[in-house]
Amino acid sequence: IATFRYVPPDLRGADKKREEYLNTLNTEVLARIQSGGKMYPSNAIVGGKFAIRACVVNFRTTVEDILGLPGLVVATGKEIDEEMRRKG
């Protein structure tokens, strides 16, 4: 089991407004990954922060599946972050 979240480089550091944005961003990242059907991570709340949770229990899971998740999260996170910033 691993919990993590997508954080754009310019949003590192603690501040209430950033945390709210990151919680919203990661909620949407998780929803899009799940709806994409390739992978199905879940979520967890850790210290009040929304996190993506990978828990590998399926015996059909491959090393490629596991290694593919971080790249999928980053690509999806970048896409959603750009969309959210454009909307303001």
N, C-alpha and C. Protein backbone atom coordinates (compact mmCIF):
# COMPACT_ATOMS: atom_id res chain seq x y z
N ILE A 1 0.86 -1.18 0.00
CA ILE A 1 0.00 0.00 0.00
C ILE A 1 0.90 1.23 0.00
N ALA A 2 0.58 2.17 -0.87
CA ALA A 2 1.32 3.44 -0.93
C ALA A 2 0.33 4.57 -1.12
N THR A 3 0.51 5.64 -0.39
CA THR A 3 -0.31 6.83 -0.59
C THR A 3 0.59 7.96 -1.05
N PHE A 4 0.08 8.75 -1.97
CA PHE A 4 0.84 9.84 -2.56
C PHE A 4 -0.14 10.80 -3.21
N ARG A 5 0.37 11.92 -3.69
CA ARG A 5 -0.49 12.84 -4.44
C ARG A 5 0.33 13.62 -5.44
N TYR A 6 -0.36 14.14 -6.43
CA TYR A 6 0.29 14.95 -7.44
C TYR A 6 0.38 16.39 -6.90
N VAL A 7 1.58 16.94 -6.91
CA VAL A 7 1.81 18.32 -6.47
C VAL A 7 2.64 19.01 -7.54
N PRO A 8 2.06 20.00 -8.24
CA PRO A 8 2.85 20.75 -9.21
C PRO A 8 4.04 21.40 -8.51
N PRO A 9 5.19 21.47 -9.18
CA PRO A 9 6.40 22.00 -8.53
C PRO A 9 6.23 23.38 -7.90
N ASP A 10 5.43 24.25 -8.52
CA ASP A 10 5.27 25.60 -7.99
C ASP A 10 4.28 25.68 -6.82
N LEU A 11 3.70 24.56 -6.44
CA LEU A 11 2.74 24.57 -5.33
C LEU A 11 3.23 23.81 -4.10
N ARG A 12 4.51 23.59 -4.03
CA ARG A 12 5.06 22.91 -2.85
C ARG A 12 5.08 23.89 -1.68
N GLY A 13 4.85 23.38 -0.50
CA GLY A 13 4.83 24.24 0.68
C GLY A 13 3.43 24.26 1.26
N ALA A 14 3.35 24.45 2.55
CA ALA A 14 2.06 24.39 3.24
C ALA A 14 1.40 25.75 3.31
N ASP A 15 0.14 25.76 2.98
CA ASP A 15 -0.68 26.96 3.06
C ASP A 15 -2.11 26.48 2.78
N LYS A 16 -3.06 27.00 3.53
CA LYS A 16 -4.43 26.48 3.49
C LYS A 16 -5.03 26.52 2.08
N LYS A 17 -4.83 27.62 1.38
CA LYS A 17 -5.40 27.74 0.03
C LYS A 17 -4.77 26.71 -0.92
N ARG A 18 -3.47 26.50 -0.81
CA ARG A 18 -2.79 25.49 -1.65
C ARG A 18 -3.32 24.10 -1.33
N GLU A 19 -3.48 23.81 -0.05
CA GLU A 19 -3.97 22.49 0.34
C GLU A 19 -5.36 22.22 -0.21
N GLU A 20 -6.23 23.22 -0.18
CA GLU A 20 -7.57 23.06 -0.74
C GLU A 20 -7.49 22.79 -2.24
N TYR A 21 -6.62 23.54 -2.93
CA TYR A 21 -6.44 23.35 -4.37
C TYR A 21 -5.90 21.94 -4.64
N LEU A 22 -4.90 21.51 -3.89
CA LEU A 22 -4.30 20.20 -4.11
C LEU A 22 -5.29 19.08 -3.81
N ASN A 23 -6.13 19.25 -2.80
CA ASN A 23 -7.15 18.25 -2.52
C ASN A 23 -8.13 18.13 -3.69
N THR A 24 -8.55 19.26 -4.23
CA THR A 24 -9.45 19.26 -5.39
C THR A 24 -8.77 18.65 -6.61
N LEU A 25 -7.54 19.06 -6.85
CA LEU A 25 -6.77 18.55 -7.99
C LEU A 25 -6.62 17.04 -7.91
N ASN A 26 -6.22 16.52 -6.77
CA ASN A 26 -5.99 15.09 -6.63
C ASN A 26 -7.29 14.28 -6.64
N THR A 27 -8.37 14.87 -6.18
CA THR A 27 -9.68 14.22 -6.28
C THR A 27 -10.02 13.99 -7.74
N GLU A 28 -9.78 15.01 -8.56
CA GLU A 28 -10.07 14.91 -9.99
C GLU A 28 -9.08 13.97 -10.69
N VAL A 29 -7.82 13.99 -10.30
CA VAL A 29 -6.84 13.06 -10.88
C VAL A 29 -7.32 11.62 -10.65
N LEU A 30 -7.70 11.31 -9.43
CA LEU A 30 -8.16 9.97 -9.10
C LEU A 30 -9.40 9.60 -9.92
N ALA A 31 -10.35 10.51 -10.00
CA ALA A 31 -11.60 10.24 -10.74
C ALA A 31 -11.31 9.94 -12.21
N ARG A 32 -10.42 10.70 -12.82
CA ARG A 32 -10.11 10.48 -14.24
C ARG A 32 -9.36 9.18 -14.45
N ILE A 33 -8.46 8.86 -13.57
CA ILE A 33 -7.73 7.60 -13.71
C ILE A 33 -8.69 6.43 -13.56
N GLN A 34 -9.56 6.50 -12.58
CA GLN A 34 -10.53 5.42 -12.38
C GLN A 34 -11.47 5.29 -13.58
N SER A 35 -11.95 6.42 -14.10
CA SER A 35 -12.88 6.36 -15.22
C SER A 35 -12.20 5.93 -16.52
N GLY A 36 -10.87 6.08 -16.58
CA GLY A 36 -10.12 5.65 -17.75
C GLY A 36 -10.07 4.14 -17.88
N GLY A 37 -10.25 3.43 -16.78
CA GLY A 37 -10.34 1.98 -16.81
C GLY A 37 -9.02 1.23 -16.86
N LYS A 38 -7.88 1.92 -16.99
CA LYS A 38 -6.59 1.23 -17.03
C LYS A 38 -6.16 0.76 -15.65
N MET A 39 -6.36 1.62 -14.67
CA MET A 39 -5.94 1.33 -13.30
C MET A 39 -7.04 1.84 -12.37
N TYR A 40 -7.07 1.29 -11.18
CA TYR A 40 -8.11 1.69 -10.24
C TYR A 40 -7.55 1.89 -8.84
N PRO A 41 -6.75 2.96 -8.66
CA PRO A 41 -6.32 3.27 -7.29
C PRO A 41 -7.51 3.80 -6.50
N SER A 42 -7.39 3.84 -5.21
CA SER A 42 -8.44 4.39 -4.37
C SER A 42 -7.89 5.66 -3.72
N ASN A 43 -8.52 6.08 -2.64
CA ASN A 43 -8.05 7.29 -1.96
C ASN A 43 -7.92 7.07 -0.46
N ALA A 44 -7.24 7.99 0.15
CA ALA A 44 -7.11 8.02 1.61
C ALA A 44 -6.97 9.48 2.02
N ILE A 45 -7.33 9.77 3.23
CA ILE A 45 -7.10 11.09 3.81
C ILE A 45 -5.99 10.89 4.84
N VAL A 46 -4.89 11.57 4.61
CA VAL A 46 -3.73 11.45 5.50
C VAL A 46 -3.40 12.84 6.03
N GLY A 47 -3.56 13.03 7.32
CA GLY A 47 -3.29 14.34 7.91
C GLY A 47 -4.15 15.44 7.33
N GLY A 48 -5.38 15.10 6.97
CA GLY A 48 -6.30 16.09 6.39
C GLY A 48 -6.06 16.35 4.90
N LYS A 49 -5.15 15.61 4.30
CA LYS A 49 -4.82 15.80 2.88
C LYS A 49 -5.35 14.63 2.07
N PHE A 50 -6.01 14.94 0.95
CA PHE A 50 -6.50 13.90 0.06
C PHE A 50 -5.31 13.27 -0.65
N ALA A 51 -5.23 11.95 -0.61
CA ALA A 51 -4.13 11.23 -1.24
C ALA A 51 -4.67 10.13 -2.14
N ILE A 52 -3.90 9.81 -3.14
CA ILE A 52 -4.19 8.68 -4.00
C ILE A 52 -3.56 7.46 -3.33
N ARG A 53 -4.27 6.36 -3.35
CA ARG A 53 -3.82 5.16 -2.63
C ARG A 53 -3.71 3.99 -3.60
N ALA A 54 -2.52 3.46 -3.70
CA ALA A 54 -2.30 2.26 -4.51
C ALA A 54 -2.17 1.08 -3.57
N CYS A 55 -3.02 0.10 -3.76
CA CYS A 55 -2.99 -1.11 -2.95
C CYS A 55 -3.07 -2.29 -3.91
N VAL A 56 -1.96 -2.95 -4.09
CA VAL A 56 -1.89 -4.03 -5.07
C VAL A 56 -2.30 -5.34 -4.40
N VAL A 57 -3.44 -5.87 -4.85
CA VAL A 57 -3.93 -7.12 -4.29
C VAL A 57 -4.28 -8.14 -5.38
N ASN A 58 -4.37 -7.70 -6.62
CA ASN A 58 -4.74 -8.60 -7.69
C ASN A 58 -3.52 -9.39 -8.16
N PHE A 59 -3.62 -10.68 -8.19
CA PHE A 59 -2.48 -11.51 -8.58
C PHE A 59 -2.11 -11.32 -10.05
N ARG A 60 -2.97 -10.70 -10.84
CA ARG A 60 -2.66 -10.44 -12.24
C ARG A 60 -1.88 -9.13 -12.45
N THR A 61 -1.68 -8.38 -11.40
CA THR A 61 -0.94 -7.12 -11.50
C THR A 61 0.50 -7.42 -11.90
N THR A 62 0.99 -6.66 -12.88
CA THR A 62 2.36 -6.86 -13.36
C THR A 62 3.26 -5.73 -12.87
N VAL A 63 4.54 -5.94 -13.01
CA VAL A 63 5.50 -4.88 -12.67
C VAL A 63 5.24 -3.67 -13.56
N GLU A 64 4.89 -3.91 -14.82
CA GLU A 64 4.60 -2.81 -15.74
C GLU A 64 3.41 -1.98 -15.25
N ASP A 65 2.40 -2.65 -14.69
CA ASP A 65 1.25 -1.94 -14.14
C ASP A 65 1.70 -1.00 -13.02
N ILE A 66 2.50 -1.53 -12.12
CA ILE A 66 2.95 -0.75 -10.97
C ILE A 66 3.83 0.42 -11.42
N LEU A 67 4.75 0.14 -12.32
CA LEU A 67 5.65 1.20 -12.80
C LEU A 67 4.92 2.23 -13.65
N GLY A 68 3.79 1.87 -14.21
CA GLY A 68 3.03 2.79 -15.06
C GLY A 68 2.20 3.80 -14.29
N LEU A 69 1.86 3.49 -13.05
CA LEU A 69 0.99 4.38 -12.28
C LEU A 69 1.57 5.76 -12.05
N PRO A 70 2.82 5.90 -11.61
CA PRO A 70 3.34 7.27 -11.39
C PRO A 70 3.29 8.14 -12.64
N GLY A 71 3.65 7.60 -13.78
CA GLY A 71 3.61 8.37 -15.02
C GLY A 71 2.20 8.78 -15.39
N LEU A 72 1.24 7.88 -15.18
CA LEU A 72 -0.15 8.19 -15.45
C LEU A 72 -0.66 9.29 -14.52
N VAL A 73 -0.28 9.23 -13.26
CA VAL A 73 -0.69 10.26 -12.29
C VAL A 73 -0.10 11.61 -12.68
N VAL A 74 1.18 11.64 -13.03
CA VAL A 74 1.82 12.91 -13.41
C VAL A 74 1.19 13.49 -14.67
N ALA A 75 1.00 12.68 -15.69
CA ALA A 75 0.41 13.17 -16.94
C ALA A 75 -1.01 13.69 -16.71
N THR A 76 -1.79 12.93 -15.96
CA THR A 76 -3.16 13.34 -15.67
C THR A 76 -3.18 14.58 -14.79
N GLY A 77 -2.30 14.62 -13.80
CA GLY A 77 -2.22 15.78 -12.90
C GLY A 77 -1.86 17.05 -13.65
N LYS A 78 -0.89 16.98 -14.55
CA LYS A 78 -0.50 18.16 -15.34
C LYS A 78 -1.66 18.65 -16.17
N GLU A 79 -2.35 17.73 -16.80
CA GLU A 79 -3.49 18.09 -17.66
C GLU A 79 -4.58 18.79 -16.85
N ILE A 80 -4.94 18.22 -15.72
CA ILE A 80 -6.01 18.79 -14.90
C ILE A 80 -5.57 20.12 -14.29
N ASP A 81 -4.34 20.20 -13.84
CA ASP A 81 -3.82 21.45 -13.26
C ASP A 81 -3.92 22.58 -14.29
N GLU A 82 -3.53 22.30 -15.53
CA GLU A 82 -3.62 23.33 -16.58
C GLU A 82 -5.06 23.75 -16.81
N GLU A 83 -5.98 22.78 -16.84
CA GLU A 83 -7.40 23.09 -17.01
C GLU A 83 -7.92 23.94 -15.86
N MET A 84 -7.59 23.57 -14.64
CA MET A 84 -8.09 24.30 -13.48
C MET A 84 -7.55 25.72 -13.45
N ARG A 85 -6.28 25.90 -13.80
CA ARG A 85 -5.69 27.25 -13.78
C ARG A 85 -6.29 28.12 -14.88
N ARG A 86 -6.59 27.52 -16.02
CA ARG A 86 -7.21 28.31 -17.11
C ARG A 86 -8.59 28.82 -16.70
N LYS A 87 -9.33 27.98 -15.99
CA LYS A 87 -10.68 28.35 -15.54
C LYS A 87 -10.62 29.41 -14.45
N GLY A 88 -9.48 29.45 -13.76
CA GLY A 88 -9.28 30.46 -12.73
C GLY A 88 -9.89 30.11 -11.45
